[in-house]
């Protein structure tokens, strides 16, 4: 058994995505490895990039014999929104999921959500007048 502590799930993926966002240009696995300080094995970086590709979080293009990777989402907020949509689409009770999500919002988050719905043209109906979110 090893004394090296494992990183929390998703931490390496987040670091790799941060490197890709910072680069603003497609990177190969060795370039990602270098941008992360070279402490991770190239195979580890390649595995993380392959997993991110399988999830649709990065896109890859052939560059010679290797792939170069680019984020499919523009930032952390877009990534979180994508995850929320994925979870929402997993279940059959979409309305129930949304109701539970909304019921756990803080008052500040509820205000933000109401403002965003109003900007999108989704507020102002009967549900708003009754005091609930759509």
N, C-alpha and C. Protein backbone atom coordinates (compact mmCIF):
# COMPACT_ATOMS: atom_id res chain seq x y z
N UNK A 1 0.85 -1.18 0.00
CA UNK A 1 0.00 0.00 0.00
C UNK A 1 0.89 1.24 0.00
N UNK A 2 0.43 2.28 -0.62
CA UNK A 2 1.23 3.50 -0.74
C UNK A 2 0.79 4.57 0.26
N UNK A 3 1.72 5.44 0.63
CA UNK A 3 1.40 6.52 1.56
C UNK A 3 0.88 7.77 0.84
N UNK A 4 0.94 7.76 -0.48
CA UNK A 4 0.50 8.92 -1.24
C UNK A 4 -1.03 8.99 -1.19
N UNK A 5 -1.55 10.12 -0.75
CA UNK A 5 -3.00 10.30 -0.67
C UNK A 5 -3.57 10.50 -2.06
N UNK A 6 -4.71 9.88 -2.29
CA UNK A 6 -5.40 10.06 -3.57
C UNK A 6 -6.08 11.41 -3.59
N UNK A 7 -6.11 12.01 -4.76
CA UNK A 7 -6.80 13.29 -4.92
C UNK A 7 -8.30 13.06 -4.95
N UNK A 8 -9.05 14.05 -4.52
CA UNK A 8 -10.52 13.92 -4.61
C UNK A 8 -10.96 13.73 -6.05
N UNK A 9 -12.05 12.99 -6.22
CA UNK A 9 -12.58 12.73 -7.57
C UNK A 9 -12.80 14.04 -8.30
N UNK A 10 -12.35 14.09 -9.53
CA UNK A 10 -12.57 15.27 -10.35
C UNK A 10 -11.50 16.34 -10.25
N UNK A 11 -10.61 16.24 -9.25
CA UNK A 11 -9.59 17.29 -9.08
C UNK A 11 -8.62 17.33 -10.26
N UNK A 12 -8.16 16.16 -10.70
CA UNK A 12 -7.25 16.14 -11.84
C UNK A 12 -7.94 16.63 -13.11
N UNK A 13 -9.19 16.23 -13.29
CA UNK A 13 -9.93 16.71 -14.46
C UNK A 13 -10.04 18.22 -14.43
N UNK A 14 -10.31 18.77 -13.25
CA UNK A 14 -10.42 20.23 -13.12
C UNK A 14 -9.09 20.91 -13.43
N UNK A 15 -7.99 20.32 -12.98
CA UNK A 15 -6.67 20.90 -13.26
C UNK A 15 -6.36 20.86 -14.76
N UNK A 16 -6.69 19.75 -15.40
CA UNK A 16 -6.44 19.63 -16.84
C UNK A 16 -7.30 20.64 -17.60
N UNK A 17 -8.57 20.76 -17.24
CA UNK A 17 -9.43 21.75 -17.89
C UNK A 17 -8.90 23.16 -17.67
N UNK A 18 -8.45 23.47 -16.47
CA UNK A 18 -7.90 24.80 -16.20
C UNK A 18 -6.69 25.07 -17.09
N UNK A 19 -5.86 24.07 -17.31
CA UNK A 19 -4.70 24.24 -18.19
C UNK A 19 -5.14 24.50 -19.63
N UNK A 20 -6.18 23.79 -20.07
CA UNK A 20 -6.68 24.00 -21.43
C UNK A 20 -7.32 25.37 -21.58
N UNK A 21 -8.09 25.80 -20.58
CA UNK A 21 -8.69 27.14 -20.65
C UNK A 21 -7.61 28.21 -20.69
N UNK A 22 -6.58 28.05 -19.88
CA UNK A 22 -5.51 29.05 -19.81
C UNK A 22 -4.73 29.12 -21.13
N UNK A 23 -4.58 27.99 -21.79
CA UNK A 23 -3.79 27.94 -23.02
C UNK A 23 -4.46 28.66 -24.18
N UNK A 24 -5.78 28.60 -24.25
CA UNK A 24 -6.54 29.22 -25.32
C UNK A 24 -6.13 28.73 -26.71
N UNK A 25 -5.51 27.57 -26.74
CA UNK A 25 -5.12 26.92 -27.99
C UNK A 25 -5.11 25.42 -27.72
N UNK A 26 -5.34 24.59 -28.74
CA UNK A 26 -5.31 23.14 -28.50
C UNK A 26 -3.95 22.68 -27.97
N UNK A 27 -4.00 21.73 -27.03
CA UNK A 27 -2.78 21.19 -26.43
C UNK A 27 -2.75 19.67 -26.57
N UNK A 28 -1.55 19.14 -26.79
CA UNK A 28 -1.35 17.70 -26.79
C UNK A 28 -1.14 17.25 -25.34
N UNK A 29 -1.26 15.95 -25.06
CA UNK A 29 -1.02 15.48 -23.68
C UNK A 29 0.33 15.92 -23.11
N UNK A 30 1.46 15.83 -23.86
CA UNK A 30 2.72 16.32 -23.27
C UNK A 30 2.70 17.82 -22.96
N UNK A 31 2.00 18.61 -23.77
CA UNK A 31 1.90 20.04 -23.49
C UNK A 31 1.06 20.30 -22.25
N UNK A 32 -0.02 19.53 -22.07
CA UNK A 32 -0.83 19.66 -20.86
C UNK A 32 0.01 19.26 -19.66
N UNK A 33 0.74 18.15 -19.79
CA UNK A 33 1.60 17.67 -18.70
C UNK A 33 2.60 18.75 -18.30
N UNK A 34 3.21 19.38 -19.27
CA UNK A 34 4.18 20.44 -19.00
C UNK A 34 3.52 21.63 -18.33
N UNK A 35 2.33 22.01 -18.78
CA UNK A 35 1.65 23.17 -18.20
C UNK A 35 1.21 22.91 -16.76
N UNK A 36 1.09 21.64 -16.39
CA UNK A 36 0.73 21.28 -15.02
C UNK A 36 1.96 21.09 -14.14
N UNK A 37 3.12 21.41 -14.67
CA UNK A 37 4.34 21.34 -13.88
C UNK A 37 5.12 20.05 -14.05
N UNK A 38 4.64 19.16 -14.89
CA UNK A 38 5.37 17.93 -15.18
C UNK A 38 5.35 16.88 -14.08
N UNK A 39 4.53 17.07 -13.04
CA UNK A 39 4.53 16.12 -11.93
C UNK A 39 3.68 14.89 -12.21
N UNK A 40 2.74 14.98 -13.15
CA UNK A 40 1.91 13.83 -13.50
C UNK A 40 2.55 13.06 -14.64
N UNK A 41 2.35 11.75 -14.66
CA UNK A 41 2.84 10.94 -15.77
C UNK A 41 2.08 11.30 -17.03
N UNK A 42 2.76 11.20 -18.17
CA UNK A 42 2.12 11.49 -19.44
C UNK A 42 0.92 10.59 -19.66
N UNK A 43 1.03 9.33 -19.25
CA UNK A 43 -0.09 8.40 -19.43
C UNK A 43 -1.29 8.81 -18.57
N UNK A 44 -1.03 9.36 -17.39
CA UNK A 44 -2.12 9.84 -16.53
C UNK A 44 -2.84 10.99 -17.20
N UNK A 45 -2.08 11.93 -17.75
CA UNK A 45 -2.67 13.08 -18.43
C UNK A 45 -3.47 12.61 -19.65
N UNK A 46 -2.91 11.67 -20.41
CA UNK A 46 -3.60 11.15 -21.59
C UNK A 46 -4.90 10.46 -21.19
N UNK A 47 -4.89 9.73 -20.09
CA UNK A 47 -6.10 9.05 -19.61
C UNK A 47 -7.16 10.06 -19.20
N UNK A 48 -6.75 11.09 -18.49
CA UNK A 48 -7.70 12.13 -18.06
C UNK A 48 -8.31 12.81 -19.28
N UNK A 49 -7.48 13.14 -20.26
CA UNK A 49 -7.99 13.77 -21.48
C UNK A 49 -8.95 12.85 -22.23
N UNK A 50 -8.64 11.56 -22.28
CA UNK A 50 -9.54 10.60 -22.94
C UNK A 50 -10.89 10.53 -22.20
N UNK A 51 -10.85 10.54 -20.87
CA UNK A 51 -12.10 10.52 -20.10
C UNK A 51 -12.91 11.79 -20.32
N UNK A 52 -12.23 12.93 -20.34
CA UNK A 52 -12.92 14.20 -20.60
C UNK A 52 -13.54 14.19 -22.00
N UNK A 53 -12.83 13.60 -22.96
CA UNK A 53 -13.36 13.49 -24.32
C UNK A 53 -14.59 12.60 -24.34
N UNK A 54 -14.54 11.47 -23.64
CA UNK A 54 -15.68 10.56 -23.58
C UNK A 54 -16.91 11.23 -22.97
N UNK A 55 -16.68 12.15 -22.03
CA UNK A 55 -17.78 12.88 -21.39
C UNK A 55 -18.27 14.05 -22.24
N UNK A 56 -17.54 14.37 -23.32
CA UNK A 56 -17.92 15.49 -24.16
C UNK A 56 -17.47 16.83 -23.62
N UNK A 57 -16.56 16.80 -22.66
CA UNK A 57 -16.08 18.03 -22.04
C UNK A 57 -14.94 18.68 -22.83
N UNK A 58 -14.21 17.85 -23.60
CA UNK A 58 -13.18 18.37 -24.50
C UNK A 58 -13.38 17.76 -25.87
N UNK A 59 -12.90 18.47 -26.87
CA UNK A 59 -12.88 17.93 -28.23
C UNK A 59 -11.43 17.72 -28.62
N UNK A 60 -11.22 16.76 -29.52
CA UNK A 60 -9.84 16.49 -29.93
C UNK A 60 -9.74 16.48 -31.44
N UNK A 61 -8.57 16.90 -31.91
CA UNK A 61 -8.28 16.90 -33.34
C UNK A 61 -6.92 16.26 -33.54
N UNK A 62 -6.77 15.59 -34.66
CA UNK A 62 -5.49 14.96 -34.98
C UNK A 62 -4.44 16.02 -35.24
N UNK A 63 -3.30 15.83 -34.61
CA UNK A 63 -2.14 16.68 -34.86
C UNK A 63 -0.96 15.75 -35.06
N UNK A 64 -0.67 15.43 -36.33
CA UNK A 64 0.36 14.43 -36.60
C UNK A 64 -0.11 13.07 -36.11
N UNK A 65 0.69 12.45 -35.25
CA UNK A 65 0.34 11.13 -34.72
C UNK A 65 -0.41 11.22 -33.39
N UNK A 66 -0.57 12.42 -32.88
CA UNK A 66 -1.22 12.60 -31.57
C UNK A 66 -2.52 13.37 -31.73
N UNK A 67 -3.19 13.55 -30.62
CA UNK A 67 -4.38 14.40 -30.57
C UNK A 67 -4.04 15.68 -29.82
N UNK A 68 -4.69 16.75 -30.23
CA UNK A 68 -4.64 18.01 -29.49
C UNK A 68 -6.04 18.25 -28.96
N UNK A 69 -6.13 18.72 -27.73
CA UNK A 69 -7.41 18.85 -27.04
C UNK A 69 -7.77 20.31 -26.79
N UNK A 70 -9.07 20.59 -26.91
CA UNK A 70 -9.63 21.92 -26.66
C UNK A 70 -10.88 21.73 -25.81
N UNK A 71 -11.10 22.62 -24.84
CA UNK A 71 -12.33 22.49 -24.03
C UNK A 71 -13.58 22.68 -24.88
N UNK A 72 -14.61 21.89 -24.59
CA UNK A 72 -15.89 22.01 -25.29
C UNK A 72 -16.79 23.00 -24.55
N UNK A 73 -16.38 23.41 -23.38
CA UNK A 73 -17.11 24.40 -22.59
C UNK A 73 -16.18 25.56 -22.31
N UNK A 74 -16.77 26.76 -22.22
CA UNK A 74 -15.91 27.96 -22.16
C UNK A 74 -15.33 28.27 -20.79
N UNK A 75 -15.94 27.79 -19.72
CA UNK A 75 -15.42 28.08 -18.38
C UNK A 75 -16.08 27.18 -17.35
N UNK A 76 -15.73 27.38 -16.08
CA UNK A 76 -16.27 26.54 -15.00
C UNK A 76 -17.78 26.66 -14.87
N UNK A 77 -18.32 27.85 -15.08
CA UNK A 77 -19.77 28.04 -14.98
C UNK A 77 -20.49 27.23 -16.06
N UNK A 78 -19.95 27.23 -17.26
CA UNK A 78 -20.55 26.46 -18.35
C UNK A 78 -20.45 24.97 -18.08
N UNK A 79 -19.35 24.55 -17.46
CA UNK A 79 -19.18 23.14 -17.11
C UNK A 79 -20.21 22.72 -16.06
N UNK A 80 -20.39 23.55 -15.05
CA UNK A 80 -21.39 23.25 -14.01
C UNK A 80 -22.79 23.21 -14.60
N UNK A 81 -23.09 24.14 -15.49
CA UNK A 81 -24.42 24.16 -16.14
C UNK A 81 -24.63 22.90 -16.97
N UNK A 82 -23.59 22.46 -17.65
CA UNK A 82 -23.68 21.24 -18.45
C UNK A 82 -23.96 20.04 -17.55
N UNK A 83 -23.28 19.97 -16.40
CA UNK A 83 -23.52 18.88 -15.45
C UNK A 83 -24.95 18.91 -14.92
N UNK A 84 -25.45 20.11 -14.63
CA UNK A 84 -26.82 20.24 -14.14
C UNK A 84 -27.81 19.74 -15.19
N UNK A 85 -27.60 20.11 -16.45
CA UNK A 85 -28.48 19.64 -17.52
C UNK A 85 -28.42 18.12 -17.66
N UNK A 86 -27.22 17.56 -17.55
CA UNK A 86 -27.06 16.12 -17.65
C UNK A 86 -27.85 15.41 -16.55
N UNK A 87 -27.75 15.91 -15.33
CA UNK A 87 -28.50 15.31 -14.22
C UNK A 87 -30.00 15.47 -14.42
N UNK A 88 -30.40 16.61 -14.89
CA UNK A 88 -31.83 16.88 -15.11
C UNK A 88 -32.41 15.92 -16.14
N UNK A 89 -31.64 15.60 -17.15
CA UNK A 89 -32.13 14.75 -18.23
C UNK A 89 -32.07 13.26 -17.89
N UNK A 90 -31.44 12.90 -16.79
CA UNK A 90 -31.34 11.49 -16.41
C UNK A 90 -32.67 10.92 -15.92
N UNK A 91 -33.46 11.72 -15.25
CA UNK A 91 -34.67 11.21 -14.63
C UNK A 91 -35.92 11.41 -15.46
N UNK A 92 -36.98 10.74 -15.02
CA UNK A 92 -38.27 10.86 -15.70
C UNK A 92 -39.09 12.01 -15.15
N UNK A 93 -38.81 12.41 -13.90
CA UNK A 93 -39.61 13.43 -13.23
C UNK A 93 -38.88 14.77 -13.26
N UNK A 94 -38.76 15.34 -14.43
CA UNK A 94 -38.05 16.60 -14.63
C UNK A 94 -38.61 17.71 -13.74
N UNK A 95 -39.92 17.77 -13.67
CA UNK A 95 -40.59 18.78 -12.87
C UNK A 95 -40.28 18.59 -11.38
N UNK A 96 -40.24 17.35 -10.92
CA UNK A 96 -39.90 17.07 -9.52
C UNK A 96 -38.47 17.44 -9.19
N UNK A 97 -37.56 17.14 -10.11
CA UNK A 97 -36.16 17.49 -9.90
C UNK A 97 -36.00 19.01 -9.79
N UNK A 98 -36.63 19.74 -10.71
CA UNK A 98 -36.55 21.20 -10.68
C UNK A 98 -37.18 21.76 -9.40
N UNK A 99 -38.31 21.19 -9.00
CA UNK A 99 -38.99 21.67 -7.78
C UNK A 99 -38.09 21.48 -6.56
N UNK A 100 -37.45 20.33 -6.47
CA UNK A 100 -36.56 20.08 -5.32
C UNK A 100 -35.33 21.00 -5.37
N UNK A 101 -34.82 21.21 -6.57
CA UNK A 101 -33.67 22.11 -6.72
C UNK A 101 -34.03 23.51 -6.24
N UNK A 102 -35.15 24.01 -6.72
CA UNK A 102 -35.59 25.36 -6.38
C UNK A 102 -35.90 25.48 -4.89
N UNK A 103 -36.47 24.44 -4.30
CA UNK A 103 -36.84 24.50 -2.88
C UNK A 103 -35.62 24.61 -1.97
N UNK A 104 -34.46 24.26 -2.48
CA UNK A 104 -33.24 24.31 -1.66
C UNK A 104 -32.36 25.53 -1.97
N UNK A 105 -32.84 26.43 -2.80
CA UNK A 105 -32.07 27.63 -3.10
C UNK A 105 -32.09 28.59 -1.91
N UNK A 106 -30.99 29.28 -1.71
CA UNK A 106 -30.96 30.35 -0.71
C UNK A 106 -31.78 31.52 -1.25
N UNK A 107 -32.21 32.42 -0.39
CA UNK A 107 -32.95 33.59 -0.88
C UNK A 107 -32.16 34.38 -1.93
N UNK A 108 -30.85 34.51 -1.73
CA UNK A 108 -30.03 35.23 -2.72
C UNK A 108 -30.00 34.51 -4.06
N UNK A 109 -29.83 33.18 -4.02
CA UNK A 109 -29.82 32.41 -5.27
C UNK A 109 -31.18 32.46 -5.95
N UNK A 110 -32.25 32.46 -5.16
CA UNK A 110 -33.59 32.54 -5.74
C UNK A 110 -33.78 33.88 -6.45
N UNK A 111 -33.27 34.96 -5.85
CA UNK A 111 -33.36 36.28 -6.50
C UNK A 111 -32.60 36.29 -7.82
N UNK A 112 -31.41 35.70 -7.80
CA UNK A 112 -30.62 35.64 -9.03
C UNK A 112 -31.35 34.85 -10.10
N UNK A 113 -31.91 33.70 -9.71
CA UNK A 113 -32.63 32.87 -10.67
C UNK A 113 -33.86 33.59 -11.22
N UNK A 114 -34.59 34.27 -10.35
CA UNK A 114 -35.76 35.04 -10.81
C UNK A 114 -35.33 36.11 -11.82
N UNK A 115 -34.24 36.80 -11.52
CA UNK A 115 -33.74 37.82 -12.44
C UNK A 115 -33.34 37.23 -13.79
N UNK A 116 -32.68 36.08 -13.76
CA UNK A 116 -32.28 35.43 -15.01
C UNK A 116 -33.48 34.96 -15.81
N UNK A 117 -34.50 34.44 -15.11
CA UNK A 117 -35.72 34.02 -15.81
C UNK A 117 -36.43 35.23 -16.42
N UNK A 118 -36.44 36.34 -15.70
CA UNK A 118 -37.07 37.55 -16.23
C UNK A 118 -36.33 38.03 -17.48
N UNK A 119 -35.01 38.00 -17.46
CA UNK A 119 -34.22 38.40 -18.63
C UNK A 119 -34.49 37.49 -19.82
N UNK A 120 -34.73 36.21 -19.54
CA UNK A 120 -34.98 35.25 -20.60
C UNK A 120 -36.42 35.26 -21.06
N UNK A 121 -37.26 36.07 -20.38
CA UNK A 121 -38.67 36.13 -20.75
C UNK A 121 -39.48 35.02 -20.13
N UNK A 122 -38.94 34.36 -19.10
CA UNK A 122 -39.64 33.23 -18.50
C UNK A 122 -40.38 33.58 -17.23
N UNK A 123 -40.32 34.82 -16.77
CA UNK A 123 -41.00 35.19 -15.53
C UNK A 123 -42.23 36.04 -15.83
N UNK A 124 -43.05 36.22 -14.81
CA UNK A 124 -44.19 37.11 -14.95
C UNK A 124 -45.51 36.39 -15.09
N UNK A 125 -45.47 35.06 -15.10
CA UNK A 125 -46.71 34.30 -15.25
C UNK A 125 -47.37 34.02 -13.93
N UNK A 126 -48.40 33.17 -13.94
CA UNK A 126 -49.16 32.86 -12.73
C UNK A 126 -48.32 32.29 -11.61
N UNK A 127 -47.28 31.50 -11.92
CA UNK A 127 -46.46 30.92 -10.85
C UNK A 127 -45.75 32.01 -10.09
N UNK A 128 -45.32 33.08 -10.76
CA UNK A 128 -44.66 34.19 -10.08
C UNK A 128 -45.63 34.90 -9.15
N UNK A 129 -46.85 35.11 -9.62
CA UNK A 129 -47.84 35.81 -8.81
C UNK A 129 -48.19 35.03 -7.57
N UNK A 130 -48.11 33.70 -7.64
CA UNK A 130 -48.43 32.85 -6.49
C UNK A 130 -47.23 32.72 -5.56
N UNK A 131 -46.10 33.28 -5.95
CA UNK A 131 -44.93 33.26 -5.09
C UNK A 131 -43.99 32.11 -5.36
N UNK A 132 -44.25 31.30 -6.37
CA UNK A 132 -43.35 30.18 -6.69
C UNK A 132 -42.65 30.42 -8.00
N UNK A 133 -41.56 29.72 -8.18
CA UNK A 133 -40.84 29.80 -9.46
C UNK A 133 -41.47 28.86 -10.45
N UNK A 134 -41.31 29.16 -11.69
CA UNK A 134 -41.84 28.27 -12.75
C UNK A 134 -41.04 27.00 -12.78
